[in-house]
Amino acid sequence: GHEAGGIVESVGEGVTDLQPGDHVLPIFTGECGDCPHCHSEESNMCDLLRINTERGGMIHDGESRFSINGKPIHHFLGTSTFSEYTVVHSG
């Protein structure tokens, strides 16, 4: 499957809820913690991090963090968990 577990190696600017060494479970239905769905007890379909098979890059800039021979490799479901290293949104 697409499920994964990992250990945080580094965090980006503004990330305050994770630190290097934390154990994490990257999922493609994350929670931003701010939208109405994240505050609801009836839905986990976050407005920001819901499943989007067309999004091939990071949420804030749409760019991929991976490439091969200068060509971008797009993120799959925002997690890219089939790789040894990945870059994901903290939600």
PDB file of N, CA and C in Angstrom:
ATOM      1  N   GLY A   1       0.807  -1.184   0.000  1.00  0.00           N
ATOM      2  CA  GLY A   1       0.000   0.000   0.000  1.00  0.00           C
ATOM      3  C   GLY A   1       0.854   1.253   0.000  1.00  0.00           C
ATOM      4  N   HIS A   2       0.210   2.350   0.262  1.00  0.00           N
ATOM      5  CA  HIS A   2       0.875   3.645   0.278  1.00  0.00           C
ATOM      6  C   HIS A   2       1.163   4.107   1.701  1.00  0.00           C
ATOM      7  N   GLU A   3       0.914   3.249   2.658  1.00  0.00           N
ATOM      8  CA  GLU A   3       1.165   3.612   4.038  1.00  0.00           C
ATOM      9  C   GLU A   3       2.659   3.605   4.324  1.00  0.00           C
ATOM     10  N   ALA A   4       3.082   4.461   5.245  1.00  0.00           N
ATOM     11  CA  ALA A   4       4.508   4.535   5.550  1.00  0.00           C
ATOM     12  C   ALA A   4       4.708   4.994   6.984  1.00  0.00           C
ATOM     13  N   GLY A   5       5.877   4.780   7.464  1.00  0.00           N
ATOM     14  CA  GLY A   5       6.310   5.309   8.745  1.00  0.00           C
ATOM     15  C   GLY A   5       7.683   5.906   8.532  1.00  0.00           C
ATOM     16  N   GLY A   6       8.014   6.888   9.339  1.00  0.00           N
ATOM     17  CA  GLY A   6       9.312   7.504   9.152  1.00  0.00           C
ATOM     18  C   GLY A   6       9.787   8.246  10.368  1.00  0.00           C
ATOM     19  N   ILE A   7      10.968   8.780  10.262  1.00  0.00           N
ATOM     20  CA  ILE A   7      11.565   9.591  11.311  1.00  0.00           C
ATOM     21  C   ILE A   7      11.936  10.927  10.686  1.00  0.00           C
ATOM     22  N   VAL A   8      11.516  12.008  11.311  1.00  0.00           N
ATOM     23  CA  VAL A   8      11.779  13.349  10.795  1.00  0.00           C
ATOM     24  C   VAL A   8      13.280  13.609  10.799  1.00  0.00           C
ATOM     25  N   GLU A   9      13.805  13.984   9.638  1.00  0.00           N
ATOM     26  CA  GLU A   9      15.218  14.315   9.526  1.00  0.00           C
ATOM     27  C   GLU A   9      15.441  15.812   9.700  1.00  0.00           C
ATOM     28  N   SER A  10      14.535  16.620   9.140  1.00  0.00           N
ATOM     29  CA  SER A  10      14.621  18.074   9.284  1.00  0.00           C
ATOM     30  C   SER A  10      13.234  18.655   9.075  1.00  0.00           C
ATOM     31  N   VAL A  11      13.041  19.892   9.507  1.00  0.00           N
ATOM     32  CA  VAL A  11      11.754  20.563   9.327  1.00  0.00           C
ATOM     33  C   VAL A  11      11.965  21.900   8.639  1.00  0.00           C
ATOM     34  N   GLY A  12      10.937  22.350   7.948  1.00  0.00           N
ATOM     35  CA  GLY A  12      11.014  23.615   7.236  1.00  0.00           C
ATOM     36  C   GLY A  12      10.642  24.792   8.110  1.00  0.00           C
ATOM     37  N   GLU A  13      10.828  25.961   7.547  1.00  0.00           N
ATOM     38  CA  GLU A  13      10.518  27.214   8.230  1.00  0.00           C
ATOM     39  C   GLU A  13       9.050  27.243   8.648  1.00  0.00           C
ATOM     40  N   GLY A  14       8.784  27.620   9.862  1.00  0.00           N
ATOM     41  CA  GLY A  14       7.423  27.743  10.364  1.00  0.00           C
ATOM     42  C   GLY A  14       6.857  26.474  10.965  1.00  0.00           C
ATOM     43  N   VAL A  15       7.530  25.354  10.826  1.00  0.00           N
ATOM     44  CA  VAL A  15       7.040  24.103  11.413  1.00  0.00           C
ATOM     45  C   VAL A  15       7.431  24.076  12.887  1.00  0.00           C
ATOM     46  N   THR A  16       6.416  24.061  13.747  1.00  0.00           N
ATOM     47  CA  THR A  16       6.680  24.101  15.190  1.00  0.00           C
ATOM     48  C   THR A  16       6.204  22.866  15.926  1.00  0.00           C
ATOM     49  N   ASP A  17       5.393  22.027  15.267  1.00  0.00           N
ATOM     50  CA  ASP A  17       4.837  20.863  15.953  1.00  0.00           C
ATOM     51  C   ASP A  17       5.636  19.580  15.720  1.00  0.00           C
ATOM     52  N   LEU A  18       6.704  19.647  14.956  1.00  0.00           N
ATOM     53  CA  LEU A  18       7.572  18.493  14.719  1.00  0.00           C
ATOM     54  C   LEU A  18       9.021  18.911  14.881  1.00  0.00           C
ATOM     55  N   GLN A  19       9.848  17.926  15.221  1.00  0.00           N
ATOM     56  CA  GLN A  19      11.286  18.200  15.322  1.00  0.00           C
ATOM     57  C   GLN A  19      12.060  16.971  14.877  1.00  0.00           C
ATOM     58  N   PRO A  20      13.318  17.147  14.470  1.00  0.00           N
ATOM     59  CA  PRO A  20      14.121  15.993  14.047  1.00  0.00           C
ATOM     60  C   PRO A  20      14.118  14.905  15.115  1.00  0.00           C
ATOM     61  N   GLY A  21      13.953  13.676  14.642  1.00  0.00           N
ATOM     62  CA  GLY A  21      13.905  12.526  15.539  1.00  0.00           C
ATOM     63  C   GLY A  21      12.499  12.050  15.844  1.00  0.00           C
ATOM     64  N   ASP A  22      11.476  12.890  15.587  1.00  0.00           N
ATOM     65  CA  ASP A  22      10.091  12.474  15.812  1.00  0.00           C
ATOM     66  C   ASP A  22       9.713  11.348  14.857  1.00  0.00           C
ATOM     67  N   HIS A  23       8.953  10.394  15.346  1.00  0.00           N
ATOM     68  CA  HIS A  23       8.406   9.324  14.516  1.00  0.00           C
ATOM     69  C   HIS A  23       7.081   9.813  13.941  1.00  0.00           C
ATOM     70  N   VAL A  24       6.876   9.597  12.633  1.00  0.00           N
ATOM     71  CA  VAL A  24       5.685  10.107  11.952  1.00  0.00           C
ATOM     72  C   VAL A  24       5.069   9.052  11.040  1.00  0.00           C
ATOM     73  N   LEU A  25       3.791   9.245  10.717  1.00  0.00           N
ATOM     74  CA  LEU A  25       3.060   8.415   9.769  1.00  0.00           C
ATOM     75  C   LEU A  25       2.526   9.326   8.664  1.00  0.00           C
ATOM     76  N   PRO A  26       3.205   9.390   7.517  1.00  0.00           N
ATOM     77  CA  PRO A  26       2.703  10.219   6.418  1.00  0.00           C
ATOM     78  C   PRO A  26       1.404   9.644   5.861  1.00  0.00           C
ATOM     79  N   ILE A  27       0.377  10.472   5.778  1.00  0.00           N
ATOM     80  CA  ILE A  27      -0.910  10.027   5.237  1.00  0.00           C
ATOM     81  C   ILE A  27      -1.396  11.037   4.201  1.00  0.00           C
ATOM     82  N   PHE A  28      -2.224  10.585   3.258  1.00  0.00           N
ATOM     83  CA  PHE A  28      -2.687  11.474   2.203  1.00  0.00           C
ATOM     84  C   PHE A  28      -4.013  12.133   2.533  1.00  0.00           C
ATOM     85  N   THR A  29      -4.518  11.967   3.734  1.00  0.00           N
ATOM     86  CA  THR A  29      -5.699  12.699   4.203  1.00  0.00           C
ATOM     87  C   THR A  29      -5.329  13.394   5.505  1.00  0.00           C
ATOM     88  N   GLY A  30      -4.380  14.293   5.424  1.00  0.00           N
ATOM     89  CA  GLY A  30      -3.890  14.991   6.604  1.00  0.00           C
ATOM     90  C   GLY A  30      -4.890  15.992   7.155  1.00  0.00           C
ATOM     91  N   GLU A  31      -4.482  16.688   8.191  1.00  0.00           N
ATOM     92  CA  GLU A  31      -5.331  17.691   8.833  1.00  0.00           C
ATOM     93  C   GLU A  31      -4.536  18.973   9.048  1.00  0.00           C
ATOM     94  N   CYS A  32      -5.048  20.080   8.494  1.00  0.00           N
ATOM     95  CA  CYS A  32      -4.385  21.366   8.690  1.00  0.00           C
ATOM     96  C   CYS A  32      -4.619  21.895  10.097  1.00  0.00           C
ATOM     97  N   GLY A  33      -5.726  21.478  10.713  1.00  0.00           N
ATOM     98  CA  GLY A  33      -6.054  21.909  12.064  1.00  0.00           C
ATOM     99  C   GLY A  33      -6.804  23.213  12.132  1.00  0.00           C
ATOM    100  N   ASP A  34      -7.021  23.878  10.985  1.00  0.00           N
ATOM    101  CA  ASP A  34      -7.666  25.190  10.988  1.00  0.00           C
ATOM    102  C   ASP A  34      -9.014  25.245  10.274  1.00  0.00           C
ATOM    103  N   CYS A  35      -9.242  24.397   9.282  1.00  0.00           N
ATOM    104  CA  CYS A  35     -10.463  24.503   8.478  1.00  0.00           C
ATOM    105  C   CYS A  35     -11.671  23.923   9.228  1.00  0.00           C
ATOM    106  N   PRO A  36     -12.893  24.208   8.756  1.00  0.00           N
ATOM    107  CA  PRO A  36     -14.096  23.684   9.413  1.00  0.00           C
ATOM    108  C   PRO A  36     -14.122  22.159   9.518  1.00  0.00           C
ATOM    109  N   HIS A  37     -13.614  21.460   8.491  1.00  0.00           N
ATOM    110  CA  HIS A  37     -13.611  19.991   8.546  1.00  0.00           C
ATOM    111  C   HIS A  37     -12.697  19.478   9.658  1.00  0.00           C
ATOM    112  N   CYS A  38     -11.559  20.120   9.846  1.00  0.00           N
ATOM    113  CA  CYS A  38     -10.638  19.690  10.900  1.00  0.00           C
ATOM    114  C   CYS A  38     -11.212  19.943  12.293  1.00  0.00           C
ATOM    115  N   HIS A  39     -12.097  20.913  12.409  1.00  0.00           N
ATOM    116  CA  HIS A  39     -12.727  21.209  13.702  1.00  0.00           C
ATOM    117  C   HIS A  39     -14.009  20.404  13.904  1.00  0.00           C
ATOM    118  N   SER A  40     -14.454  19.683  12.895  1.00  0.00           N
ATOM    119  CA  SER A  40     -15.678  18.890  12.964  1.00  0.00           C
ATOM    120  C   SER A  40     -15.384  17.499  13.511  1.00  0.00           C
ATOM    121  N   GLU A  41     -16.318  16.948  14.241  1.00  0.00           N
ATOM    122  CA  GLU A  41     -16.191  15.562  14.704  1.00  0.00           C
ATOM    123  C   GLU A  41     -16.793  14.596  13.695  1.00  0.00           C
ATOM    124  N   GLU A  42     -17.324  15.113  12.592  1.00  0.00           N
ATOM    125  CA  GLU A  42     -18.017  14.281  11.617  1.00  0.00           C
ATOM    126  C   GLU A  42     -17.271  14.098  10.300  1.00  0.00           C
ATOM    127  N   SER A  43     -16.144  14.760  10.095  1.00  0.00           N
ATOM    128  CA  SER A  43     -15.445  14.675   8.812  1.00  0.00           C
ATOM    129  C   SER A  43     -13.944  14.795   9.006  1.00  0.00           C
ATOM    130  N   ASN A  44     -13.197  14.090   8.179  1.00  0.00           N
ATOM    131  CA  ASN A  44     -11.741  14.246   8.170  1.00  0.00           C
ATOM    132  C   ASN A  44     -11.266  14.715   6.794  1.00  0.00           C
ATOM    133  N   MET A  45     -12.140  15.351   6.040  1.00  0.00           N
ATOM    134  CA  MET A  45     -11.808  15.788   4.687  1.00  0.00           C
ATOM    135  C   MET A  45     -11.303  17.228   4.705  1.00  0.00           C
ATOM    136  N   CYS A  46     -10.144  17.424   5.247  1.00  0.00           N
ATOM    137  CA  CYS A  46      -9.512  18.741   5.373  1.00  0.00           C
ATOM    138  C   CYS A  46      -9.575  19.509   4.063  1.00  0.00           C
ATOM    139  N   ASP A  47      -9.954  20.789   4.148  1.00  0.00           N
ATOM    140  CA  ASP A  47     -10.023  21.622   2.943  1.00  0.00           C
ATOM    141  C   ASP A  47      -8.660  21.763   2.267  1.00  0.00           C
ATOM    142  N   LEU A  48      -7.592  21.815   3.040  1.00  0.00           N
ATOM    143  CA  LEU A  48      -6.244  22.010   2.490  1.00  0.00           C
ATOM    144  C   LEU A  48      -5.585  20.695   2.081  1.00  0.00           C
ATOM    145  N   LEU A  49      -5.703  19.659   2.901  1.00  0.00           N
ATOM    146  CA  LEU A  49      -4.922  18.433   2.696  1.00  0.00           C
ATOM    147  C   LEU A  49      -5.729  17.229   2.230  1.00  0.00           C
ATOM    148  N   ARG A  50      -6.942  17.439   1.730  1.00  0.00           N
ATOM    149  CA  ARG A  50      -7.729  16.287   1.265  1.00  0.00           C
ATOM    150  C   ARG A  50      -7.075  15.641   0.046  1.00  0.00           C
ATOM    151  N   ILE A  51      -7.492  14.437  -0.258  1.00  0.00           N
ATOM    152  CA  ILE A  51      -6.931  13.695  -1.387  1.00  0.00           C
ATOM    153  C   ILE A  51      -7.089  14.504  -2.671  1.00  0.00           C
ATOM    154  N   ASN A  52      -5.980  14.657  -3.390  1.00  0.00           N
ATOM    155  CA  ASN A  52      -5.992  15.375  -4.661  1.00  0.00           C
ATOM    156  C   ASN A  52      -4.970  14.699  -5.570  1.00  0.00           C
ATOM    157  N   THR A  53      -5.458  13.855  -6.478  1.00  0.00           N
ATOM    158  CA  THR A  53      -4.548  13.109  -7.354  1.00  0.00           C
ATOM    159  C   THR A  53      -3.927  13.983  -8.431  1.00  0.00           C
ATOM    160  N   GLU A  54      -4.400  15.213  -8.601  1.00  0.00           N
ATOM    161  CA  GLU A  54      -3.844  16.096  -9.620  1.00  0.00           C
ATOM    162  C   GLU A  54      -2.722  16.975  -9.087  1.00  0.00           C
ATOM    163  N   ARG A  55      -2.588  17.076  -7.768  1.00  0.00           N
ATOM    164  CA  ARG A  55      -1.544  17.922  -7.185  1.00  0.00           C
ATOM    165  C   ARG A  55      -0.237  17.130  -7.198  1.00  0.00           C
ATOM    166  N   GLY A  56       0.743  17.616  -7.935  1.00  0.00           N
ATOM    167  CA  GLY A  56       2.001  16.900  -8.058  1.00  0.00           C
ATOM    168  C   GLY A  56       3.153  17.551  -7.325  1.00  0.00           C
ATOM    169  N   GLY A  57       2.864  18.626  -6.588  1.00  0.00           N
ATOM    170  CA  GLY A  57       3.920  19.339  -5.873  1.00  0.00           C
ATOM    171  C   GLY A  57       3.477  19.700  -4.478  1.00  0.00           C
ATOM    172  N   MET A  58       4.273  20.517  -3.840  1.00  0.00           N
ATOM    173  CA  MET A  58       3.968  20.945  -2.482  1.00  0.00           C
ATOM    174  C   MET A  58       2.829  21.966  -2.496  1.00  0.00           C
ATOM    175  N   ILE A  59       2.039  22.002  -1.442  1.00  0.00           N
ATOM    176  CA  ILE A  59       0.842  22.829  -1.392  1.00  0.00           C
ATOM    177  C   ILE A  59       1.136  24.313  -1.540  1.00  0.00           C
ATOM    178  N   HIS A  60       2.122  24.828  -0.852  1.00  0.00           N
ATOM    179  CA  HIS A  60       2.306  26.287  -0.848  1.00  0.00           C
ATOM    180  C   HIS A  60       2.899  26.862  -2.136  1.00  0.00           C
ATOM    181  N   ASP A  61       3.587  26.041  -2.941  1.00  0.00           N
ATOM    182  CA  ASP A  61       4.144  26.592  -4.171  1.00  0.00           C
ATOM    183  C   ASP A  61       3.922  25.720  -5.408  1.00  0.00           C
ATOM    184  N   GLY A  62       3.342  24.538  -5.253  1.00  0.00           N
ATOM    185  CA  GLY A  62       3.063  23.658  -6.378  1.00  0.00           C
ATOM    186  C   GLY A  62       4.276  22.994  -6.993  1.00  0.00           C
ATOM    187  N   GLU A  63       5.445  23.231  -6.424  1.00  0.00           N
ATOM    188  CA  GLU A  63       6.692  22.689  -6.974  1.00  0.00           C
ATOM    189  C   GLU A  63       7.035  21.340  -6.352  1.00  0.00           C
ATOM    190  N   SER A  64       7.678  20.485  -7.131  1.00  0.00           N
ATOM    191  CA  SER A  64       8.165  19.202  -6.640  1.00  0.00           C
ATOM    192  C   SER A  64       9.484  19.403  -5.904  1.00  0.00           C
ATOM    193  N   ARG A  65       9.768  18.553  -4.958  1.00  0.00           N
ATOM    194  CA  ARG A  65      11.051  18.599  -4.253  1.00  0.00           C
ATOM    195  C   ARG A  65      11.992  17.496  -4.748  1.00  0.00           C
ATOM    196  N   PHE A  66      11.545  16.752  -5.776  1.00  0.00           N
ATOM    197  CA  PHE A  66      12.323  15.643  -6.318  1.00  0.00           C
ATOM    198  C   PHE A  66      12.588  15.861  -7.796  1.00  0.00           C
ATOM    199  N   SER A  67      13.725  15.355  -8.272  1.00  0.00           N
ATOM    200  CA  SER A  67      14.006  15.404  -9.707  1.00  0.00           C
ATOM    201  C   SER A  67      14.979  14.287 -10.054  1.00  0.00           C
ATOM    202  N   ILE A  68      15.023  13.974 -11.338  1.00  0.00           N
ATOM    203  CA  ILE A  68      16.003  13.031 -11.856  1.00  0.00           C
ATOM    204  C   ILE A  68      16.443  13.570 -13.215  1.00  0.00           C
ATOM    205  N   ASN A  69      17.745  13.685 -13.392  1.00  0.00           N
ATOM    206  CA  ASN A  69      18.305  14.245 -14.627  1.00  0.00           C
ATOM    207  C   ASN A  69      17.694  15.600 -14.969  1.00  0.00           C
ATOM    208  N   GLY A  70      17.434  16.414 -13.938  1.00  0.00           N
ATOM    209  CA  GLY A  70      16.907  17.755 -14.144  1.00  0.00           C
ATOM    210  C   GLY A  70      15.410  17.843 -14.387  1.00  0.00           C
ATOM    211  N   LYS A  71      14.722  16.710 -14.447  1.00  0.00           N
ATOM    212  CA  LYS A  71      13.277  16.713 -14.681  1.00  0.00           C
ATOM    213  C   LYS A  71      12.553  16.411 -13.366  1.00  0.00           C
ATOM    214  N   PRO A  72      11.460  17.161 -13.073  1.00  0.00           N
ATOM    215  CA  PRO A  72      10.760  16.960 -11.803  1.00  0.00           C
ATOM    216  C   PRO A  72      10.071  15.602 -11.730  1.00  0.00           C
ATOM    217  N   ILE A  73      10.068  15.039 -10.548  1.00  0.00           N
ATOM    218  CA  ILE A  73       9.290  13.841 -10.245  1.00  0.00           C
ATOM    219  C   ILE A  73       8.172  14.325  -9.330  1.00  0.00           C
ATOM    220  N   HIS A  74       6.945  14.081  -9.709  1.00  0.00           N
ATOM    221  CA  HIS A  74       5.820  14.617  -8.975  1.00  0.00           C
ATOM    222  C   HIS A  74       5.474  13.774  -7.747  1.00  0.00           C
ATOM    223  N   HIS A  75       5.034  14.443  -6.710  1.00  0.00           N
ATOM    224  CA  HIS A  75       4.642  13.785  -5.464  1.00  0.00           C
ATOM    225  C   HIS A  75       3.343  13.027  -5.689  1.00  0.00           C
ATOM    226  N   PHE A  76       3.274  11.783  -5.225  1.00  0.00           N
ATOM    227  CA  PHE A  76       2.048  11.002  -5.370  1.00  0.00           C
ATOM    228  C   PHE A  76       1.211  11.145  -4.109  1.00  0.00           C
ATOM    229  N   LEU A  77       0.020  11.659  -4.252  1.00  0.00           N
ATOM    230  CA  LEU A  77      -0.914  11.887  -3.142  1.00  0.00           C
ATOM    231  C   LEU A  77      -0.287  12.686  -2.008  1.00  0.00           C
ATOM    232  N   GLY A  78       0.682  13.520  -2.331  1.00  0.00           N
ATOM    233  CA  GLY A  78       1.279  14.401  -1.343  1.00  0.00           C
ATOM    234  C   GLY A  78       2.205  13.738  -0.351  1.00  0.00           C
ATOM    235  N   THR A  79       2.482  12.434  -0.537  1.00  0.00           N
ATOM    236  CA  THR A  79       3.332  11.735   0.429  1.00  0.00           C
ATOM    237  C   THR A  79       4.572  11.106  -0.172  1.00  0.00           C
ATOM    238  N   SER A  80       4.466  10.577  -1.370  1.00  0.00           N
ATOM    239  CA  SER A  80       5.596   9.916  -2.041  1.00  0.00           C
ATOM    240  C   SER A  80       6.273   8.898  -1.131  1.00  0.00           C
ATOM    241  N   THR A  81       5.486   8.021  -0.557  1.00  0.00           N
ATOM    242  CA  THR A  81       6.015   7.086   0.444  1.00  0.00           C
ATOM    243  C   THR A  81       6.734   5.873  -0.133  1.00  0.00           C
ATOM    244  N   PHE A  82       6.828   5.764  -1.460  1.00  0.00           N
ATOM    245  CA  PHE A  82       7.594   4.667  -2.039  1.00  0.00           C
ATOM    246  C   PHE A  82       9.073   5.022  -2.164  1.00  0.00           C
ATOM    247  N   SER A  83       9.460   6.188  -1.705  1.00  0.00           N
ATOM    248  CA  SER A  83      10.852   6.607  -1.772  1.00  0.00           C
ATOM    249  C   SER A  83      11.521   6.477  -0.404  1.00  0.00           C
ATOM    250  N   GLU A  84      12.828   6.429  -0.399  1.00  0.00           N
ATOM    251  CA  GLU A  84      13.565   6.302   0.862  1.00  0.00           C
ATOM    252  C   GLU A  84      13.463   7.575   1.679  1.00  0.00           C
ATOM    253  N   TYR A  85      13.446   8.732   1.018  1.00  0.00           N
ATOM    254  CA  TYR A  85      13.254  10.028   1.668  1.00  0.00           C
ATOM    255  C   TYR A  85      12.102  10.721   0.993  1.00  0.00           C
ATOM    256  N   THR A  86      11.389  11.550   1.719  1.00  0.00           N
ATOM    257  CA  THR A  86      10.284  12.311   1.134  1.00  0.00           C
ATOM    258  C   THR A  86      10.157  13.652   1.826  1.00  0.00           C
ATOM    259  N   VAL A  87       9.403  14.537   1.199  1.00  0.00           N
ATOM    260  CA  VAL A  87       9.091  15.845   1.754  1.00  0.00           C
ATOM    261  C   VAL A  87       7.575  15.931   1.816  1.00  0.00           C
ATOM    262  N   VAL A  88       7.017  16.215   2.980  1.00  0.00           N
ATOM    263  CA  VAL A  88       5.564  16.267   3.147  1.00  0.00           C
ATOM    264  C   VAL A  88       5.155  17.496   3.953  1.00  0.00           C
ATOM    265  N   HIS A  89       3.900  17.868   3.810  1.00  0.00           N
ATOM    266  CA  HIS A  89       3.315  18.917   4.630  1.00  0.00           C
ATOM    267  C   HIS A  89       3.220  18.394   6.064  1.00  0.00           C
ATOM    268  N   SER A  90       3.423  19.230   7.034  1.00  0.00           N
ATOM    269  CA  SER A  90       3.426  18.776   8.436  1.00  0.00           C
ATOM    270  C   SER A  90       2.061  18.294   8.905  1.00  0.00           C
ATOM    271  N   GLY A  91       0.983  18.684   8.202  1.00  0.00           N
ATOM    272  CA  GLY A  91      -0.362  18.243   8.589  1.00  0.00           C
ATOM    273  C   GLY A  91      -0.600  16.788   8.278  1.00  0.00           C
TER     274      GLY A  91
END
